[in-house]
Structures are given as C-alpha cells and as structure tokens.
C-alpha atoms as a PDB file:
ATOM      1  CA  ALA A   1      -0.646  41.955  -7.834  1.00  0.00           C
ATOM      2  CA  GLY A   2       0.106  37.890  -6.992  1.00  0.00           C
ATOM      3  CA  GLY A   3      -3.638  36.717  -5.513  1.00  0.00           C
ATOM      4  CA  THR A   4      -5.183  33.897  -6.898  1.00  0.00           C
ATOM      5  CA  GLY A   5      -8.566  35.011  -7.239  1.00  0.00           C
ATOM      6  CA  GLY A   6      -9.863  31.723  -8.698  1.00  0.00           C
ATOM      7  CA  ARG A   7      -7.469  31.652 -11.480  1.00  0.00           C
ATOM      8  CA  PRO A   8      -6.001  28.534 -12.282  1.00  0.00           C
ATOM      9  CA  ALA A   9      -2.436  27.863 -10.921  1.00  0.00           C
ATOM     10  CA  PRO A  10       0.282  28.396 -12.995  1.00  0.00           C
ATOM     11  CA  PRO A  11       2.422  25.184 -14.759  1.00  0.00           C
ATOM     12  CA  ALA A  12       3.789  23.677 -12.701  1.00  0.00           C
ATOM     13  CA  SER A  13       8.103  23.958 -12.796  1.00  0.00           C
ATOM     14  CA  ALA A  14       9.781  21.187 -14.253  1.00  0.00           C
ATOM     15  CA  PRO A  15      11.541  18.863 -11.523  1.00  0.00           C
ATOM     16  CA  PRO A  16      15.460  19.414 -11.405  1.00  0.00           C
ATOM     17  CA  ASP A  17      17.399  18.200 -14.049  1.00  0.00           C
ATOM     18  CA  SER A  18      17.540  15.009 -13.202  1.00  0.00           C
ATOM     19  CA  ALA A  19      13.806  14.266 -13.440  1.00  0.00           C
ATOM     20  CA  ASP A  20      12.332  12.825 -16.940  1.00  0.00           C
ATOM     21  CA  ASP A  21      10.112  13.356 -19.292  1.00  0.00           C
ATOM     22  CA  GLY A  22       8.087  10.930 -17.445  1.00  0.00           C
ATOM     23  CA  GLU A  23       8.414  13.266 -13.885  1.00  0.00           C
ATOM     24  CA  VAL A  24       7.764  15.907 -15.574  1.00  0.00           C
ATOM     25  CA  ARG A  25       4.297  14.921 -17.120  1.00  0.00           C
ATOM     26  CA  ILE A  26       3.250  13.753 -14.006  1.00  0.00           C
ATOM     27  CA  ALA A  27       4.565  16.845 -12.080  1.00  0.00           C
ATOM     28  CA  HIS A  28       2.211  18.937 -14.700  1.00  0.00           C
ATOM     29  CA  VAL A  29      -1.398  17.129 -13.764  1.00  0.00           C
ATOM     30  CA  TRP A  30      -0.501  17.098  -9.706  1.00  0.00           C
ATOM     31  CA  SER A  31       0.407  20.782 -10.241  1.00  0.00           C
ATOM     32  CA  ARG A  32      -3.560  21.356 -12.214  1.00  0.00           C
ATOM     33  CA  LEU A  33      -5.173  18.911  -9.587  1.00  0.00           C
ATOM     34  CA  LEU A  34      -3.356  20.050  -6.240  1.00  0.00           C
ATOM     35  CA  GLY A  35      -3.179  24.363  -7.493  1.00  0.00           C
ATOM     36  CA  ARG A  36       0.647  23.937  -6.858  1.00  0.00           C
ATOM     37  CA  ALA A  37       3.025  25.851  -9.059  1.00  0.00           C
ATOM     38  CA  GLU A  38       5.592  24.003  -7.990  1.00  0.00           C
ATOM     39  CA  ILE A  39       5.545  19.995  -7.672  1.00  0.00           C
ATOM     40  CA  ALA A  40       9.390  18.738  -6.405  1.00  0.00           C
ATOM     41  CA  ARG A  41       9.542  14.519  -8.120  1.00  0.00           C
ATOM     42  CA  THR A  42      10.089  14.124  -4.329  1.00  0.00           C
ATOM     43  CA  ASP A  43       7.099  15.649  -3.308  1.00  0.00           C
ATOM     44  CA  ASN A  44       4.307  13.328  -1.655  1.00  0.00           C
ATOM     45  CA  PHE A  45       1.122  13.605  -3.256  1.00  0.00           C
ATOM     46  CA  PHE A  46      -1.051  13.203   0.320  1.00  0.00           C
ATOM     47  CA  ASP A  47       1.140  15.672   1.745  1.00  0.00           C
ATOM     48  CA  LEU A  48       0.488  18.361  -0.635  1.00  0.00           C
ATOM     49  CA  GLY A  49      -3.084  17.829   0.346  1.00  0.00           C
ATOM     50  CA  GLY A  50      -4.355  15.134  -1.917  1.00  0.00           C
ATOM     51  CA  HIS A  51      -7.038  12.458  -0.601  1.00  0.00           C
ATOM     52  CA  SER A  52      -8.427  10.114  -1.972  1.00  0.00           C
ATOM     53  CA  LEU A  53     -10.861  11.897  -4.017  1.00  0.00           C
ATOM     54  CA  LEU A  54      -7.639  13.855  -6.115  1.00  0.00           C
ATOM     55  CA  ALA A  55      -6.380  10.025  -5.544  1.00  0.00           C
ATOM     56  CA  VAL A  56      -8.983   8.466  -8.368  1.00  0.00           C
ATOM     57  CA  GLU A  57      -9.197  11.892 -10.175  1.00  0.00           C
ATOM     58  CA  LEU A  58      -5.175  12.011 -10.421  1.00  0.00           C
ATOM     59  CA  HIS A  59      -5.459   7.756 -11.797  1.00  0.00           C
ATOM     60  CA  ARG A  60      -8.540   9.050 -14.247  1.00  0.00           C
ATOM     61  CA  THR A  61      -6.070  12.086 -15.292  1.00  0.00           C
ATOM     62  CA  LEU A  62      -2.821   9.925 -15.873  1.00  0.00           C
ATOM     63  CA  VAL A  63      -4.243   6.858 -17.856  1.00  0.00           C
ATOM     64  CA  SER A  64      -6.358   9.319 -20.308  1.00  0.00           C
ATOM     65  CA  GLU A  65      -4.319  11.811 -20.541  1.00  0.00           C
ATOM     66  CA  LEU A  66      -1.324  10.495 -20.272  1.00  0.00           C
ATOM     67  CA  SER A  67      -1.782   6.812 -21.444  1.00  0.00           C
ATOM     68  CA  LEU A  68      -0.212   5.632 -18.427  1.00  0.00           C
ATOM     69  CA  ASP A  69      -0.967   1.936 -17.713  1.00  0.00           C
ATOM     70  CA  LEU A  70      -2.118   2.440 -13.283  1.00  0.00           C
ATOM     71  CA  LYS A  71      -4.317   0.799 -11.090  1.00  0.00           C
ATOM     72  CA  LEU A  72      -5.366   3.309  -8.648  1.00  0.00           C
ATOM     73  CA  THR A  73      -3.785   1.364  -5.800  1.00  0.00           C
ATOM     74  CA  ASP A  74       0.184   2.353  -7.511  1.00  0.00           C
ATOM     75  CA  ILE A  75      -1.196   6.326  -6.197  1.00  0.00           C
ATOM     76  CA  PHE A  76      -0.830   4.902  -3.032  1.00  0.00           C
ATOM     77  CA  ARG A  77       1.423   2.929  -3.203  1.00  0.00           C
ATOM     78  CA  TYR A  78       4.093   5.685  -4.978  1.00  0.00           C
ATOM     79  CA  PRO A  79       2.919   8.573  -3.771  1.00  0.00           C
ATOM     80  CA  THR A  80       5.265  10.633  -5.325  1.00  0.00           C
ATOM     81  CA  VAL A  81       6.433  12.408  -8.803  1.00  0.00           C
ATOM     82  CA  SER A  82       9.072  10.138  -9.002  1.00  0.00           C
ATOM     83  CA  ALA A  83       8.390   6.636  -8.157  1.00  0.00           C
ATOM     84  CA  LEU A  84       4.841   7.293  -9.296  1.00  0.00           C
ATOM     85  CA  ALA A  85       6.941   7.847 -12.899  1.00  0.00           C
ATOM     86  CA  ARG A  86       9.304   5.221 -12.190  1.00  0.00           C
ATOM     87  CA  HIS A  87       6.692   2.249 -11.554  1.00  0.00           C
ATOM     88  CA  ALA A  88       4.657   3.801 -14.822  1.00  0.00           C
ATOM     89  CA  SER A  89       7.355   3.078 -16.621  1.00  0.00           C
ATOM     90  CA  ARG A  90       8.736  -0.183 -15.353  1.00  0.00           C
ATOM     91  CA  SER A  91       5.058  -1.232 -16.077  1.00  0.00           C
ATOM     92  CA  ALA A  92       4.378  -0.068 -19.608  1.00  0.00           C
ATOM     93  CA  PRO A  93       5.947  -2.248 -22.362  1.00  0.00           C
ATOM     94  CA  PRO A  94       8.497   0.142 -24.229  1.00  0.00           C
ATOM     95  CA  GLU A  95       7.249  -0.137 -27.085  1.00  0.00           C
ATOM     96  CA  LYS A  96       3.338   1.313 -25.822  1.00  0.00           C
ATOM     97  CA  VAL A  97       5.891   4.556 -24.743  1.00  0.00           C
ATOM     98  CA  ALA A  98       7.757   4.638 -27.941  1.00  0.00           C
ATOM     99  CA  SER A  99       3.818   4.628 -29.450  1.00  0.00           C
ATOM    100  CA  VAL A 100       2.427   6.980 -27.028  1.00  0.00           C
ATOM    101  CA  ALA A 101       5.789   9.436 -28.331  1.00  0.00           C
ATOM    102  CA  GLY A 102       4.667   8.866 -31.224  1.00  0.00           C
ATOM    103  CA  GLN A 103       1.188   9.116 -31.562  1.00  0.00           C
ATOM    104  CA  ASP A 104       1.843  12.824 -29.188  1.00  0.00           C
ATOM    105  CA  ARG A 105       4.278  14.243 -31.720  1.00  0.00           C
ATOM    106  CA  ALA A 106       1.504  13.050 -34.448  1.00  0.00           C
ATOM    107  CA  ARG A 107      -1.214  15.102 -33.187  1.00  0.00           C
ATOM    108  CA  MET A 108       0.787  18.541 -32.858  1.00  0.00           C
ATOM    109  CA  ARG A 109       1.714  18.099 -36.485  1.00  0.00           C
ATOM    110  CA  LEU A 110      -1.793  17.558 -37.046  1.00  0.00           C
ATOM    111  CA  GLU A 111      -3.050  20.454 -34.729  1.00  0.00           C
ATOM    112  CA  MET A 112      -0.306  22.894 -36.217  1.00  0.00           C
ATOM    113  CA  THR A 113      -0.969  21.813 -39.906  1.00  0.00           C
ATOM    114  CA  ARG A 114      -5.616  22.304 -39.399  1.00  0.00           C
ATOM    115  CA  ARG A 115      -4.411  25.513 -38.147  1.00  0.00           C
ATOM    116  CA  ALA A 116      -2.534  26.595 -41.569  1.00  0.00           C
ATOM    117  CA  ARG A 117      -4.933  25.305 -43.873  1.00  0.00           C
ATOM    118  CA  THR A 118      -7.033  27.118 -41.692  1.00  0.00           C
ATOM    119  CA  ARG A 119      -5.473  30.715 -41.517  1.00  0.00           C
ATOM    120  CA  SER A 120      -4.905  30.295 -45.687  1.00  0.00           C
ATOM    121  CA  GLY A 121      -8.201  29.691 -46.395  1.00  0.00           C
ATOM    122  CA  SER A 122      -7.975  26.292 -47.812  1.00  0.00           C
ATOM    123  CA  GLY A 123      -9.771  24.421 -45.438  1.00  0.00           C
ATOM    124  CA  PRO A 124     -12.850  21.638 -45.955  1.00  0.00           C
ATOM    125  CA  ALA A 125     -14.776  22.954 -48.358  1.00  0.00           C
ATOM    126  CA  SER A 126     -18.217  24.355 -47.077  1.00  0.00           C
ATOM    127  CA  PRO A 127     -21.327  22.582 -48.746  1.00  0.00           C
ATOM    128  CA  GLY A 128     -22.216  24.313 -51.758  1.00  0.00           C
ATOM    129  CA  GLY A 129     -25.966  25.203 -52.800  1.00  0.00           C
ATOM    130  CA  ALA A 130     -27.810  28.288 -53.741  1.00  0.00           C
ATOM    131  CA  ASP A 131     -29.846  30.330 -51.380  1.00  0.00           C
ATOM    132  CA  GLY A 132     -34.067  30.573 -51.922  1.00  0.00           C
END
C-alpha cells in the first residue's frame, strides 16, 4: 500500500507557519531532488543525503526555476532551508523579487487563457488549404 516503487516523492509539506514563500519554494525543490516528502526549514541539505553533485543540481534548479541569485558556494555556506532563503532574499534586489512574483502570476494567467481557448475551440486557426 505504501511503497515508493520508483514513484517520485510526494510534494514537500509546507514548513511551519513561520516559513515565508521563499522557504516553501526552496523546500519543494529540495523535496524533489532528495526524494523526501517532508523538509523542515531547519533541515540541513547535507544531513538529508545531499552531496556535492546534488548541490550543483540544486543550484542549477534554484537559479533556473526560482530565478534566485545564488552562487554554488551559497548552498554550502547556507545549508538549511531558512538560511538559504534568508540569504537569497537579501541578495536579490526588491524589484527583482516583485518582478519574479509578477512573472509567475502572468505565466499562470497566460496558461489558463490558452487552456480556455483550447477547450472552447477559439484557439489559433490551423493553416487552410485544399487537400489533393
């Protein structure tokens, strides 16, 4: 009933109420990479099974998916969710943080609009032409 059998780990449960959005987003990435369902804000990446190769993957994912302005060494210097989130929020200019949040909302709206158009049949017209 409860084996993992090659299935991806379930999404990380949100860290405690005192966690901010940055901590929650970082914890979700850790959960995927480490294959753990629960990540606490005080968990240490390396104590949970992280290693240097996973740290490289973590860094790449945090930069590409969450648009965080981090150096690879920051993963080693700030190995807990809360410390890394705190550092990332200090290193990103406020306008960048607001911009990323706005971009996320804009992407979601665009995707919802595309899905609605696809369902209603009012999507882009397919190229016309007579068949032979």
